[in-house]
Amino acid sequence: MEILKTIVTIIYVIICIALVVVVLMQEGKSAGLSGSINGVADTYWGKNRGRSMEGALEKFTKGLAVGFIILSVVLNLL
């Protein structure tokens, strides 16, 4: 049981570091807000945001956040 806790803790630390790095790589939301106020939200990048690097970072952030929460609960139960 102690080996399992050690392995889960190592994975947890890796996810924490990856989550910090991915969040810091993302652009600020204020840049997108000013563009939408000016009516520029319907540009090519606005429509295809899910396929861009920023969209991929958002999806990866969501996945890491889910993993972070699940591992937090698992570590608390162990």
PDB file of N, CA and C in Angstrom:
ATOM      1  N   MET A   1       0.819  -1.199   0.000  1.00  0.00           N
ATOM      2  CA  MET A   1       0.000   0.000   0.000  1.00  0.00           C
ATOM      3  C   MET A   1       0.867   1.269   0.000  1.00  0.00           C
ATOM      4  N   GLU A   2       2.012   1.160   0.675  1.00  0.00           N
ATOM      5  CA  GLU A   2       2.908   2.315   0.738  1.00  0.00           C
ATOM      6  C   GLU A   2       3.523   2.620  -0.638  1.00  0.00           C
ATOM      7  N   ILE A   3       3.779   1.575  -1.414  1.00  0.00           N
ATOM      8  CA  ILE A   3       4.329   1.777  -2.759  1.00  0.00           C
ATOM      9  C   ILE A   3       3.312   2.478  -3.647  1.00  0.00           C
ATOM     10  N   LEU A   4       2.056   2.104  -3.538  1.00  0.00           N
ATOM     11  CA  LEU A   4       0.991   2.742  -4.319  1.00  0.00           C
ATOM     12  C   LEU A   4       0.882   4.221  -3.966  1.00  0.00           C
ATOM     13  N   LYS A   5       0.953   4.540  -2.691  1.00  0.00           N
ATOM     14  CA  LYS A   5       0.874   5.935  -2.259  1.00  0.00           C
ATOM     15  C   LYS A   5       2.056   6.737  -2.797  1.00  0.00           C
ATOM     16  N   THR A   6       3.229   6.138  -2.812  1.00  0.00           N
ATOM     17  CA  THR A   6       4.410   6.820  -3.341  1.00  0.00           C
ATOM     18  C   THR A   6       4.276   7.078  -4.843  1.00  0.00           C
ATOM     19  N   ILE A   7       3.802   6.094  -5.565  1.00  0.00           N
ATOM     20  CA  ILE A   7       3.622   6.243  -7.021  1.00  0.00           C
ATOM     21  C   ILE A   7       2.577   7.314  -7.328  1.00  0.00           C
ATOM     22  N   VAL A   8       1.463   7.298  -6.620  1.00  0.00           N
ATOM     23  CA  VAL A   8       0.409   8.297  -6.840  1.00  0.00           C
ATOM     24  C   VAL A   8       0.917   9.691  -6.471  1.00  0.00           C
ATOM     25  N   THR A   9       1.720   9.799  -5.432  1.00  0.00           N
ATOM     26  CA  THR A   9       2.274  11.095  -5.044  1.00  0.00           C
ATOM     27  C   THR A   9       3.224  11.631  -6.113  1.00  0.00           C
ATOM     28  N   ILE A  10       4.031  10.778  -6.693  1.00  0.00           N
ATOM     29  CA  ILE A  10       4.940  11.208  -7.760  1.00  0.00           C
ATOM     30  C   ILE A  10       4.153  11.677  -8.984  1.00  0.00           C
ATOM     31  N   ILE A  11       3.123  10.940  -9.349  1.00  0.00           N
ATOM     32  CA  ILE A  11       2.271  11.352 -10.478  1.00  0.00           C
ATOM     33  C   ILE A  11       1.585  12.677 -10.166  1.00  0.00           C
ATOM     34  N   TYR A  12       1.161  12.838  -8.915  1.00  0.00           N
ATOM     35  CA  TYR A  12       0.494  14.066  -8.476  1.00  0.00           C
ATOM     36  C   TYR A  12       1.429  15.274  -8.609  1.00  0.00           C
ATOM     37  N   VAL A  13       2.673  15.128  -8.203  1.00  0.00           N
ATOM     38  CA  VAL A  13       3.642  16.217  -8.304  1.00  0.00           C
ATOM     39  C   VAL A  13       3.916  16.559  -9.762  1.00  0.00           C
ATOM     40  N   ILE A  14       4.011  15.550 -10.622  1.00  0.00           N
ATOM     41  CA  ILE A  14       4.225  15.796 -12.050  1.00  0.00           C
ATOM     42  C   ILE A  14       3.044  16.548 -12.650  1.00  0.00           C
ATOM     43  N   ILE A  15       1.826  16.165 -12.279  1.00  0.00           N
ATOM     44  CA  ILE A  15       0.637  16.857 -12.786  1.00  0.00           C
ATOM     45  C   ILE A  15       0.601  18.294 -12.273  1.00  0.00           C
ATOM     46  N   CYS A  16       0.977  18.512 -11.020  1.00  0.00           N
ATOM     47  CA  CYS A  16       0.995  19.871 -10.478  1.00  0.00           C
ATOM     48  C   CYS A  16       1.959  20.772 -11.251  1.00  0.00           C
ATOM     49  N   ILE A  17       3.144  20.275 -11.510  1.00  0.00           N
ATOM     50  CA  ILE A  17       4.139  21.060 -12.249  1.00  0.00           C
ATOM     51  C   ILE A  17       3.673  21.309 -13.683  1.00  0.00           C
ATOM     52  N   ALA A  18       3.116  20.290 -14.321  1.00  0.00           N
ATOM     53  CA  ALA A  18       2.619  20.452 -15.688  1.00  0.00           C
ATOM     54  C   ALA A  18       1.468  21.447 -15.743  1.00  0.00           C
ATOM     55  N   LEU A  19       0.609  21.423 -14.738  1.00  0.00           N
ATOM     56  CA  LEU A  19      -0.524  22.355 -14.706  1.00  0.00           C
ATOM     57  C   LEU A  19      -0.040  23.794 -14.581  1.00  0.00           C
ATOM     58  N   VAL A  20       0.943  24.028 -13.751  1.00  0.00           N
ATOM     59  CA  VAL A  20       1.500  25.375 -13.606  1.00  0.00           C
ATOM     60  C   VAL A  20       2.118  25.844 -14.924  1.00  0.00           C
ATOM     61  N   VAL A  21       2.876  24.972 -15.580  1.00  0.00           N
ATOM     62  CA  VAL A  21       3.542  25.342 -16.837  1.00  0.00           C
ATOM     63  C   VAL A  21       2.512  25.645 -17.932  1.00  0.00           C
ATOM     64  N   VAL A  22       1.475  24.806 -18.042  1.00  0.00           N
ATOM     65  CA  VAL A  22       0.470  25.005 -19.094  1.00  0.00           C
ATOM     66  C   VAL A  22      -0.327  26.276 -18.848  1.00  0.00           C
ATOM     67  N   VAL A  23      -0.650  26.573 -17.602  1.00  0.00           N
ATOM     68  CA  VAL A  23      -1.393  27.802 -17.309  1.00  0.00           C
ATOM     69  C   VAL A  23      -0.542  29.026 -17.630  1.00  0.00           C
ATOM     70  N   LEU A  24       0.735  28.971 -17.329  1.00  0.00           N
ATOM     71  CA  LEU A  24       1.604  30.110 -17.632  1.00  0.00           C
ATOM     72  C   LEU A  24       1.829  30.289 -19.128  1.00  0.00           C
ATOM     73  N   MET A  25       1.672  29.241 -19.917  1.00  0.00           N
ATOM     74  CA  MET A  25       1.859  29.342 -21.366  1.00  0.00           C
ATOM     75  C   MET A  25       0.666  29.998 -22.066  1.00  0.00           C
ATOM     76  N   GLN A  26      -0.484  30.026 -21.409  1.00  0.00           N
ATOM     77  CA  GLN A  26      -1.683  30.559 -22.044  1.00  0.00           C
ATOM     78  C   GLN A  26      -1.665  32.076 -22.080  1.00  0.00           C
ATOM     79  N   GLU A  27      -2.380  32.613 -23.066  1.00  0.00           N
ATOM     80  CA  GLU A  27      -2.517  34.060 -23.183  1.00  0.00           C
ATOM     81  C   GLU A  27      -3.536  34.544 -22.170  1.00  0.00           C
ATOM     82  N   GLY A  28      -3.453  35.817 -21.839  1.00  0.00           N
ATOM     83  CA  GLY A  28      -4.417  36.406 -20.925  1.00  0.00           C
ATOM     84  C   GLY A  28      -5.778  36.561 -21.591  1.00  0.00           C
ATOM     85  N   LYS A  29      -6.821  36.508 -20.792  1.00  0.00           N
ATOM     86  CA  LYS A  29      -8.170  36.649 -21.339  1.00  0.00           C
ATOM     87  C   LYS A  29      -8.492  38.096 -21.689  1.00  0.00           C
ATOM     88  N   SER A  30      -7.753  39.052 -21.156  1.00  0.00           N
ATOM     89  CA  SER A  30      -8.038  40.452 -21.453  1.00  0.00           C
ATOM     90  C   SER A  30      -7.775  40.772 -22.924  1.00  0.00           C
ATOM     91  N   ALA A  31      -6.843  40.054 -23.546  1.00  0.00           N
ATOM     92  CA  ALA A  31      -6.562  40.283 -24.966  1.00  0.00           C
ATOM     93  C   ALA A  31      -7.763  39.877 -25.813  1.00  0.00           C
ATOM     94  N   GLY A  32      -8.422  38.803 -25.445  1.00  0.00           N
ATOM     95  CA  GLY A  32      -9.594  38.368 -26.186  1.00  0.00           C
ATOM     96  C   GLY A  32     -10.811  39.225 -25.922  1.00  0.00           C
ATOM     97  N   LEU A  33     -10.891  39.803 -24.742  1.00  0.00           N
ATOM     98  CA  LEU A  33     -12.031  40.623 -24.376  1.00  0.00           C
ATOM     99  C   LEU A  33     -12.054  41.913 -25.169  1.00  0.00           C
ATOM    100  N   SER A  34     -10.925  42.551 -25.350  1.00  0.00           N
ATOM    101  CA  SER A  34     -10.899  43.806 -26.098  1.00  0.00           C
ATOM    102  C   SER A  34     -11.263  43.573 -27.560  1.00  0.00           C
ATOM    103  N   GLY A  35     -10.869  42.433 -28.104  1.00  0.00           N
ATOM    104  CA  GLY A  35     -11.220  42.129 -29.489  1.00  0.00           C
ATOM    105  C   GLY A  35     -12.710  41.876 -29.657  1.00  0.00           C
ATOM    106  N   SER A  36     -13.346  41.265 -28.676  1.00  0.00           N
ATOM    107  CA  SER A  36     -14.773  40.978 -28.801  1.00  0.00           C
ATOM    108  C   SER A  36     -15.603  42.240 -28.624  1.00  0.00           C
ATOM    109  N   ILE A  37     -15.108  43.194 -27.862  1.00  0.00           N
ATOM    110  CA  ILE A  37     -15.833  44.450 -27.695  1.00  0.00           C
ATOM    111  C   ILE A  37     -15.804  45.247 -28.991  1.00  0.00           C
ATOM    112  N   ASN A  38     -14.703  45.182 -29.688  1.00  0.00           N
ATOM    113  CA  ASN A  38     -14.574  45.914 -30.944  1.00  0.00           C
ATOM    114  C   ASN A  38     -15.227  45.198 -32.116  1.00  0.00           C
ATOM    115  N   GLY A  39     -15.768  44.023 -31.902  1.00  0.00           N
ATOM    116  CA  GLY A  39     -16.438  43.308 -32.971  1.00  0.00           C
ATOM    117  C   GLY A  39     -15.517  42.490 -33.840  1.00  0.00           C
ATOM    118  N   VAL A  40     -14.345  42.155 -33.377  1.00  0.00           N
ATOM    119  CA  VAL A  40     -13.379  41.415 -34.156  1.00  0.00           C
ATOM    120  C   VAL A  40     -13.438  39.931 -33.806  1.00  0.00           C
ATOM    121  N   ALA A  41     -14.407  39.515 -33.029  1.00  0.00           N
ATOM    122  CA  ALA A  41     -14.465  38.132 -32.542  1.00  0.00           C
ATOM    123  C   ALA A  41     -14.770  37.142 -33.658  1.00  0.00           C
ATOM    124  N   ASP A  42     -15.301  37.589 -34.778  1.00  0.00           N
ATOM    125  CA  ASP A  42     -15.657  36.687 -35.860  1.00  0.00           C
ATOM    126  C   ASP A  42     -14.537  36.530 -36.884  1.00  0.00           C
ATOM    127  N   THR A  43     -13.328  36.736 -36.488  1.00  0.00           N
ATOM    128  CA  THR A  43     -12.211  36.543 -37.399  1.00  0.00           C
ATOM    129  C   THR A  43     -11.930  35.053 -37.537  1.00  0.00           C
ATOM    130  N   TYR A  44     -10.976  34.739 -38.363  1.00  0.00           N
ATOM    131  CA  TYR A  44     -10.599  33.336 -38.580  1.00  0.00           C
ATOM    132  C   TYR A  44     -10.156  32.692 -37.282  1.00  0.00           C
ATOM    133  N   TRP A  45      -9.328  33.372 -36.500  1.00  0.00           N
ATOM    134  CA  TRP A  45      -8.802  32.797 -35.260  1.00  0.00           C
ATOM    135  C   TRP A  45      -9.901  32.667 -34.220  1.00  0.00           C
ATOM    136  N   GLY A  46     -10.886  33.547 -34.244  1.00  0.00           N
ATOM    137  CA  GLY A  46     -11.984  33.438 -33.292  1.00  0.00           C
ATOM    138  C   GLY A  46     -12.860  32.226 -33.578  1.00  0.00           C
ATOM    139  N   LYS A  47     -13.090  31.926 -34.859  1.00  0.00           N
ATOM    140  CA  LYS A  47     -13.931  30.793 -35.225  1.00  0.00           C
ATOM    141  C   LYS A  47     -13.217  29.459 -35.045  1.00  0.00           C
ATOM    142  N   ASN A  48     -11.927  29.417 -35.284  1.00  0.00           N
ATOM    143  CA  ASN A  48     -11.161  28.170 -35.220  1.00  0.00           C
ATOM    144  C   ASN A  48     -10.292  28.090 -33.977  1.00  0.00           C
ATOM    145  N   ARG A  49     -10.758  28.665 -32.904  1.00  0.00           N
ATOM    146  CA  ARG A  49      -9.968  28.703 -31.676  1.00  0.00           C
ATOM    147  C   ARG A  49      -9.726  27.303 -31.111  1.00  0.00           C
ATOM    148  N   GLY A  50     -10.685  26.398 -31.262  1.00  0.00           N
ATOM    149  CA  GLY A  50     -10.533  25.047 -30.743  1.00  0.00           C
ATOM    150  C   GLY A  50      -9.432  24.267 -31.423  1.00  0.00           C
ATOM    151  N   ARG A  51      -9.088  24.636 -32.649  1.00  0.00           N
ATOM    152  CA  ARG A  51      -8.042  23.935 -33.401  1.00  0.00           C
ATOM    153  C   ARG A  51      -6.683  24.605 -33.284  1.00  0.00           C
ATOM    154  N   SER A  52      -6.639  25.749 -32.624  1.00  0.00           N
ATOM    155  CA  SER A  52      -5.378  26.477 -32.502  1.00  0.00           C
ATOM    156  C   SER A  52      -4.578  25.969 -31.304  1.00  0.00           C
ATOM    157  N   MET A  53      -3.395  26.504 -31.149  1.00  0.00           N
ATOM    158  CA  MET A  53      -2.547  26.141 -30.011  1.00  0.00           C
ATOM    159  C   MET A  53      -3.206  26.555 -28.704  1.00  0.00           C
ATOM    160  N   GLU A  54      -3.858  27.701 -28.697  1.00  0.00           N
ATOM    161  CA  GLU A  54      -4.543  28.174 -27.486  1.00  0.00           C
ATOM    162  C   GLU A  54      -5.685  27.235 -27.106  1.00  0.00           C
ATOM    163  N   GLY A  55      -6.407  26.747 -28.084  1.00  0.00           N
ATOM    164  CA  GLY A  55      -7.475  25.782 -27.810  1.00  0.00           C
ATOM    165  C   GLY A  55      -6.937  24.475 -27.267  1.00  0.00           C
ATOM    166  N   ALA A  56      -5.810  24.038 -27.810  1.00  0.00           N
ATOM    167  CA  ALA A  56      -5.194  22.804 -27.319  1.00  0.00           C
ATOM    168  C   ALA A  56      -4.706  22.980 -25.883  1.00  0.00           C
ATOM    169  N   LEU A  57      -4.159  24.151 -25.577  1.00  0.00           N
ATOM    170  CA  LEU A  57      -3.712  24.405 -24.209  1.00  0.00           C
ATOM    171  C   LEU A  57      -4.881  24.417 -23.232  1.00  0.00           C
ATOM    172  N   GLU A  58      -6.022  24.960 -23.659  1.00  0.00           N
ATOM    173  CA  GLU A  58      -7.194  24.971 -22.789  1.00  0.00           C
ATOM    174  C   GLU A  58      -7.694  23.556 -22.516  1.00  0.00           C
ATOM    175  N   LYS A  59      -7.725  22.728 -23.556  1.00  0.00           N
ATOM    176  CA  LYS A  59      -8.158  21.339 -23.363  1.00  0.00           C
ATOM    177  C   LYS A  59      -7.196  20.577 -22.468  1.00  0.00           C
ATOM    178  N   PHE A  60      -5.908  20.806 -22.652  1.00  0.00           N
ATOM    179  CA  PHE A  60      -4.898  20.136 -21.840  1.00  0.00           C
ATOM    180  C   PHE A  60      -4.992  20.598 -20.384  1.00  0.00           C
ATOM    181  N   THR A  61      -5.289  21.893 -20.182  1.00  0.00           N
ATOM    182  CA  THR A  61      -5.456  22.424 -18.836  1.00  0.00           C
ATOM    183  C   THR A  61      -6.646  21.774 -18.143  1.00  0.00           C
ATOM    184  N   LYS A  62      -7.737  21.609 -18.868  1.00  0.00           N
ATOM    185  CA  LYS A  62      -8.918  20.966 -18.278  1.00  0.00           C
ATOM    186  C   LYS A  62      -8.619  19.525 -17.883  1.00  0.00           C
ATOM    187  N   GLY A  63      -7.908  18.807 -18.737  1.00  0.00           N
ATOM    188  CA  GLY A  63      -7.551  17.425 -18.428  1.00  0.00           C
ATOM    189  C   GLY A  63      -6.637  17.325 -17.220  1.00  0.00           C
ATOM    190  N   LEU A  64      -5.648  18.218 -17.146  1.00  0.00           N
ATOM    191  CA  LEU A  64      -4.747  18.215 -15.998  1.00  0.00           C
ATOM    192  C   LEU A  64      -5.481  18.593 -14.717  1.00  0.00           C
ATOM    193  N   ALA A  65      -6.434  19.525 -14.817  1.00  0.00           N
ATOM    194  CA  ALA A  65      -7.192  19.930 -13.633  1.00  0.00           C
ATOM    195  C   ALA A  65      -8.048  18.775 -13.118  1.00  0.00           C
ATOM    196  N   VAL A  66      -8.659  18.019 -14.019  1.00  0.00           N
ATOM    197  CA  VAL A  66      -9.451  16.859 -13.610  1.00  0.00           C
ATOM    198  C   VAL A  66      -8.544  15.824 -12.946  1.00  0.00           C
ATOM    199  N   GLY A  67      -7.392  15.573 -13.532  1.00  0.00           N
ATOM    200  CA  GLY A  67      -6.444  14.641 -12.936  1.00  0.00           C
ATOM    201  C   GLY A  67      -5.960  15.110 -11.570  1.00  0.00           C
ATOM    202  N   PHE A  68      -5.743  16.410 -11.441  1.00  0.00           N
ATOM    203  CA  PHE A  68      -5.328  16.990 -10.171  1.00  0.00           C
ATOM    204  C   PHE A  68      -6.383  16.755  -9.089  1.00  0.00           C
ATOM    205  N   ILE A  69      -7.636  16.999  -9.424  1.00  0.00           N
ATOM    206  CA  ILE A  69      -8.719  16.822  -8.448  1.00  0.00           C
ATOM    207  C   ILE A  69      -8.888  15.353  -8.071  1.00  0.00           C
ATOM    208  N   ILE A  70      -8.864  14.490  -9.064  1.00  0.00           N
ATOM    209  CA  ILE A  70      -9.040  13.050  -8.793  1.00  0.00           C
ATOM    210  C   ILE A  70      -7.886  12.526  -7.918  1.00  0.00           C
ATOM    211  N   LEU A  71      -6.662  12.900  -8.258  1.00  0.00           N
ATOM    212  CA  LEU A  71      -5.531  12.433  -7.455  1.00  0.00           C
ATOM    213  C   LEU A  71      -5.521  13.042  -6.065  1.00  0.00           C
ATOM    214  N   SER A  72      -6.044  14.267  -5.919  1.00  0.00           N
ATOM    215  CA  SER A  72      -6.155  14.862  -4.591  1.00  0.00           C
ATOM    216  C   SER A  72      -7.092  14.041  -3.709  1.00  0.00           C
ATOM    217  N   VAL A  73      -8.206  13.629  -4.275  1.00  0.00           N
ATOM    218  CA  VAL A  73      -9.166  12.808  -3.527  1.00  0.00           C
ATOM    219  C   VAL A  73      -8.553  11.437  -3.199  1.00  0.00           C
ATOM    220  N   VAL A  74      -7.883  10.843  -4.176  1.00  0.00           N
ATOM    221  CA  VAL A  74      -7.277   9.515  -3.960  1.00  0.00           C
ATOM    222  C   VAL A  74      -6.210   9.594  -2.866  1.00  0.00           C
ATOM    223  N   LEU A  75      -5.375  10.619  -2.918  1.00  0.00           N
ATOM    224  CA  LEU A  75      -4.340  10.760  -1.886  1.00  0.00           C
ATOM    225  C   LEU A  75      -4.932  11.010  -0.508  1.00  0.00           C
ATOM    226  N   ASN A  76      -6.032  11.725  -0.475  1.00  0.00           N
ATOM    227  CA  ASN A  76      -6.697  11.970   0.801  1.00  0.00           C
ATOM    228  C   ASN A  76      -7.272  10.683   1.367  1.00  0.00           C
ATOM    229  N   LEU A  77      -7.765   9.799   0.518  1.00  0.00           N
ATOM    230  CA  LEU A  77      -8.330   8.538   0.987  1.00  0.00           C
ATOM    231  C   LEU A  77      -7.244   7.546   1.393  1.00  0.00           C
ATOM    232  N   LEU A  78      -6.063   7.663   0.783  1.00  0.00           N
ATOM    233  CA  LEU A  78      -4.974   6.758   1.154  1.00  0.00           C
ATOM    234  C   LEU A  78      -4.381   7.220   2.460  1.00  0.00           C
TER     235      LEU A  78
END
